[in-house]
Amino acid sequence: MTQSFVSYPGPAYPQVAIDLNASNFTLQGDSFMLLADEFYGQLTQKLRTLLNSPQLKPPLHCHFDLDYYDTKSFKCIYNILSMLQGSGKKIEVHWKIHFQDYASLETAIDLQGDFPGLNFVFD
């Protein structure tokens, strides 16, 4: 059962879905809101709860399908990846690379180097 734990207030905010039964987390769309710290702070708390759930069956599949994100959002996403790596759980990060989006590919490769404890899959 997929649940959205973080409200989706508009087009500047990514859609969030968490499916505990399938061990899936998805962040999709654009991310360029003014209150990124507040939005991602709520999301981080929900992910911590998910990681501590006895129902979670590793690996946790984290899907990042972001069309656009600003610097503040990226910092928050980076912090989420850091928290995920620090959890000690088995985690797969599926980073969506859009056709001929070399900047996204470069970012994904850099993140893979920064977080060697996470298994990156480039989709």
C-alpha atoms as a PDB file:
ATOM      1  CA  MET A   1       0.000   0.000   0.000  1.00  0.00           C
ATOM      2  CA  THR A   2       1.482   3.307  -1.076  1.00  0.00           C
ATOM      3  CA  GLN A   3       1.002   6.240   1.230  1.00  0.00           C
ATOM      4  CA  SER A   4       1.973   9.858   0.828  1.00  0.00           C
ATOM      5  CA  PHE A   5       3.295  11.019   4.167  1.00  0.00           C
ATOM      6  CA  VAL A   6       4.229  14.535   3.126  1.00  0.00           C
ATOM      7  CA  SER A   7       1.623  16.863   1.686  1.00  0.00           C
ATOM      8  CA  TYR A   8       1.990  17.958  -1.914  1.00  0.00           C
ATOM      9  CA  PRO A   9       1.283  21.690  -1.788  1.00  0.00           C
ATOM     10  CA  GLY A  10       2.049  22.555  -5.394  1.00  0.00           C
ATOM     11  CA  PRO A  11       4.252  22.302  -8.471  1.00  0.00           C
ATOM     12  CA  ALA A  12       7.372  23.617  -6.698  1.00  0.00           C
ATOM     13  CA  TYR A  13       7.257  20.612  -4.363  1.00  0.00           C
ATOM     14  CA  PRO A  14       8.130  17.045  -5.294  1.00  0.00           C
ATOM     15  CA  GLN A  15       5.640  14.242  -4.850  1.00  0.00           C
ATOM     16  CA  VAL A  16       6.538  11.813  -2.095  1.00  0.00           C
ATOM     17  CA  ALA A  17       5.349   8.223  -1.842  1.00  0.00           C
ATOM     18  CA  ILE A  18       6.323   5.566   0.655  1.00  0.00           C
ATOM     19  CA  ASP A  19       5.284   1.953   0.235  1.00  0.00           C
ATOM     20  CA  LEU A  20       6.311   0.024   3.335  1.00  0.00           C
ATOM     21  CA  ASN A  21       5.158  -3.332   1.948  1.00  0.00           C
ATOM     22  CA  ALA A  22       7.422  -3.015  -1.098  1.00  0.00           C
ATOM     23  CA  SER A  23      10.201  -1.169   0.796  1.00  0.00           C
ATOM     24  CA  ASN A  24       9.951   1.741  -1.654  1.00  0.00           C
ATOM     25  CA  PHE A  25      10.422   5.476  -1.222  1.00  0.00           C
ATOM     26  CA  THR A  26       9.890   7.809  -4.192  1.00  0.00           C
ATOM     27  CA  LEU A  27      10.668  11.493  -4.610  1.00  0.00           C
ATOM     28  CA  GLN A  28       9.447  12.718  -7.995  1.00  0.00           C
ATOM     29  CA  GLY A  29       8.980  15.991  -9.851  1.00  0.00           C
ATOM     30  CA  ASP A  30      10.433  19.435  -9.233  1.00  0.00           C
ATOM     31  CA  SER A  31      11.879  20.840  -6.019  1.00  0.00           C
ATOM     32  CA  PHE A  32      12.379  24.587  -5.780  1.00  0.00           C
ATOM     33  CA  MET A  33      10.245  25.694  -2.849  1.00  0.00           C
ATOM     34  CA  LEU A  34      10.981  28.512  -0.422  1.00  0.00           C
ATOM     35  CA  LEU A  35      10.538  26.328   2.658  1.00  0.00           C
ATOM     36  CA  ALA A  36      12.814  23.465   1.653  1.00  0.00           C
ATOM     37  CA  ASP A  37      14.140  22.970   5.194  1.00  0.00           C
ATOM     38  CA  GLU A  38      10.617  22.540   6.552  1.00  0.00           C
ATOM     39  CA  PHE A  39       9.483  20.220   3.762  1.00  0.00           C
ATOM     40  CA  TYR A  40      12.574  18.012   3.819  1.00  0.00           C
ATOM     41  CA  GLY A  41      12.693  18.107   7.618  1.00  0.00           C
ATOM     42  CA  GLN A  42       9.254  16.445   7.696  1.00  0.00           C
ATOM     43  CA  LEU A  43      10.375  13.969   5.070  1.00  0.00           C
ATOM     44  CA  THR A  44      13.537  13.119   7.004  1.00  0.00           C
ATOM     45  CA  GLN A  45      11.480  12.352  10.112  1.00  0.00           C
ATOM     46  CA  LYS A  46       9.191  10.062   8.111  1.00  0.00           C
ATOM     47  CA  LEU A  47      12.177   8.264   6.607  1.00  0.00           C
ATOM     48  CA  ARG A  48      13.727   7.753  10.051  1.00  0.00           C
ATOM     49  CA  THR A  49      10.454   6.202  11.188  1.00  0.00           C
ATOM     50  CA  LEU A  50      10.448   3.985   8.092  1.00  0.00           C
ATOM     51  CA  LEU A  51      14.036   2.868   8.682  1.00  0.00           C
ATOM     52  CA  ASN A  52      13.201   1.894  12.261  1.00  0.00           C
ATOM     53  CA  SER A  53      10.037   0.022  11.322  1.00  0.00           C
ATOM     54  CA  PRO A  54      10.156  -3.711  12.021  1.00  0.00           C
ATOM     55  CA  GLN A  55       8.041  -4.173   8.872  1.00  0.00           C
ATOM     56  CA  LEU A  56      10.797  -2.821   6.604  1.00  0.00           C
ATOM     57  CA  LYS A  57      12.284  -5.585   4.481  1.00  0.00           C
ATOM     58  CA  PRO A  58      15.738  -4.616   3.173  1.00  0.00           C
ATOM     59  CA  PRO A  59      16.814  -3.353   0.854  1.00  0.00           C
ATOM     60  CA  LEU A  60      14.965  -0.037   0.939  1.00  0.00           C
ATOM     61  CA  HIS A  61      14.565   1.164  -2.668  1.00  0.00           C
ATOM     62  CA  CYS A  62      14.841   4.964  -2.818  1.00  0.00           C
ATOM     63  CA  HIS A  63      13.767   6.412  -6.158  1.00  0.00           C
ATOM     64  CA  PHE A  64      14.867   9.961  -6.998  1.00  0.00           C
ATOM     65  CA  ASP A  65      13.158  11.091 -10.199  1.00  0.00           C
ATOM     66  CA  LEU A  66      13.693  14.828 -10.082  1.00  0.00           C
ATOM     67  CA  ASP A  67      13.252  16.958 -13.183  1.00  0.00           C
ATOM     68  CA  TYR A  68      14.605  20.089 -11.501  1.00  0.00           C
ATOM     69  CA  TYR A  69      15.897  20.997  -8.043  1.00  0.00           C
ATOM     70  CA  ASP A  70      17.430  24.170  -6.685  1.00  0.00           C
ATOM     71  CA  THR A  71      20.532  24.445  -4.519  1.00  0.00           C
ATOM     72  CA  LYS A  72      18.636  24.484  -1.221  1.00  0.00           C
ATOM     73  CA  SER A  73      16.644  21.373  -2.171  1.00  0.00           C
ATOM     74  CA  PHE A  74      19.817  19.594  -3.260  1.00  0.00           C
ATOM     75  CA  LYS A  75      21.426  20.311   0.106  1.00  0.00           C
ATOM     76  CA  CYS A  76      18.396  18.760   1.824  1.00  0.00           C
ATOM     77  CA  ILE A  77      18.482  15.730  -0.500  1.00  0.00           C
ATOM     78  CA  TYR A  78      22.189  15.374   0.208  1.00  0.00           C
ATOM     79  CA  ASN A  79      21.423  15.366   3.937  1.00  0.00           C
ATOM     80  CA  ILE A  80      18.784  12.672   3.406  1.00  0.00           C
ATOM     81  CA  LEU A  81      21.321  10.514   1.569  1.00  0.00           C
ATOM     82  CA  SER A  82      23.758  11.051   4.439  1.00  0.00           C
ATOM     83  CA  MET A  83      21.105   9.980   6.940  1.00  0.00           C
ATOM     84  CA  LEU A  84      20.275   6.909   4.837  1.00  0.00           C
ATOM     85  CA  GLN A  85      23.925   5.878   4.654  1.00  0.00           C
ATOM     86  CA  GLY A  86      24.334   6.427   8.399  1.00  0.00           C
ATOM     87  CA  SER A  87      21.382   4.165   9.139  1.00  0.00           C
ATOM     88  CA  GLY A  88      23.444   1.046   8.481  1.00  0.00           C
ATOM     89  CA  LYS A  89      20.546  -0.442   6.482  1.00  0.00           C
ATOM     90  CA  LYS A  90      20.877  -1.919   3.009  1.00  0.00           C
ATOM     91  CA  ILE A  91      19.700   0.827   0.655  1.00  0.00           C
ATOM     92  CA  GLU A  92      19.435   1.077  -3.119  1.00  0.00           C
ATOM     93  CA  VAL A  93      19.337   4.589  -4.550  1.00  0.00           C
ATOM     94  CA  HIS A  94      17.693   4.677  -7.969  1.00  0.00           C
ATOM     95  CA  TRP A  95      18.686   8.002  -9.505  1.00  0.00           C
ATOM     96  CA  LYS A  96      16.754   8.860 -12.659  1.00  0.00           C
ATOM     97  CA  ILE A  97      18.925  10.123 -15.493  1.00  0.00           C
ATOM     98  CA  HIS A  98      16.840  11.855 -18.126  1.00  0.00           C
ATOM     99  CA  PHE A  99      17.831  11.446 -21.774  1.00  0.00           C
ATOM    100  CA  GLN A 100      20.969  13.471 -22.563  1.00  0.00           C
ATOM    101  CA  ASP A 101      20.933  15.128 -19.126  1.00  0.00           C
ATOM    102  CA  TYR A 102      24.649  15.046 -18.520  1.00  0.00           C
ATOM    103  CA  ALA A 103      24.444  17.322 -15.464  1.00  0.00           C
ATOM    104  CA  SER A 104      22.154  14.811 -13.740  1.00  0.00           C
ATOM    105  CA  LEU A 105      24.510  11.972 -14.637  1.00  0.00           C
ATOM    106  CA  GLU A 106      27.491  13.904 -13.271  1.00  0.00           C
ATOM    107  CA  THR A 107      25.591  14.667 -10.065  1.00  0.00           C
ATOM    108  CA  ALA A 108      24.674  11.005  -9.650  1.00  0.00           C
ATOM    109  CA  ILE A 109      28.276   9.901 -10.129  1.00  0.00           C
ATOM    110  CA  ASP A 110      29.439  12.482  -7.575  1.00  0.00           C
ATOM    111  CA  LEU A 111      26.811  11.295  -5.081  1.00  0.00           C
ATOM    112  CA  GLN A 112      27.867   7.697  -5.635  1.00  0.00           C
ATOM    113  CA  GLY A 113      31.402   8.711  -4.662  1.00  0.00           C
ATOM    114  CA  ASP A 114      30.210  10.673  -1.624  1.00  0.00           C
ATOM    115  CA  PHE A 115      28.048   7.812  -0.331  1.00  0.00           C
ATOM    116  CA  PRO A 116      29.885   4.541  -0.910  1.00  0.00           C
ATOM    117  CA  GLY A 117      27.636   2.775   1.621  1.00  0.00           C
ATOM    118  CA  LEU A 118      24.613   3.202  -0.651  1.00  0.00           C
ATOM    119  CA  ASN A 119      24.051   1.058  -3.732  1.00  0.00           C
ATOM    120  CA  PHE A 120      23.409   3.463  -6.623  1.00  0.00           C
ATOM    121  CA  VAL A 121      21.447   2.373  -9.678  1.00  0.00           C
ATOM    122  CA  PHE A 122      21.201   4.814 -12.579  1.00  0.00           C
ATOM    123  CA  ASP A 123      17.817   4.526 -14.248  1.00  0.00           C
END
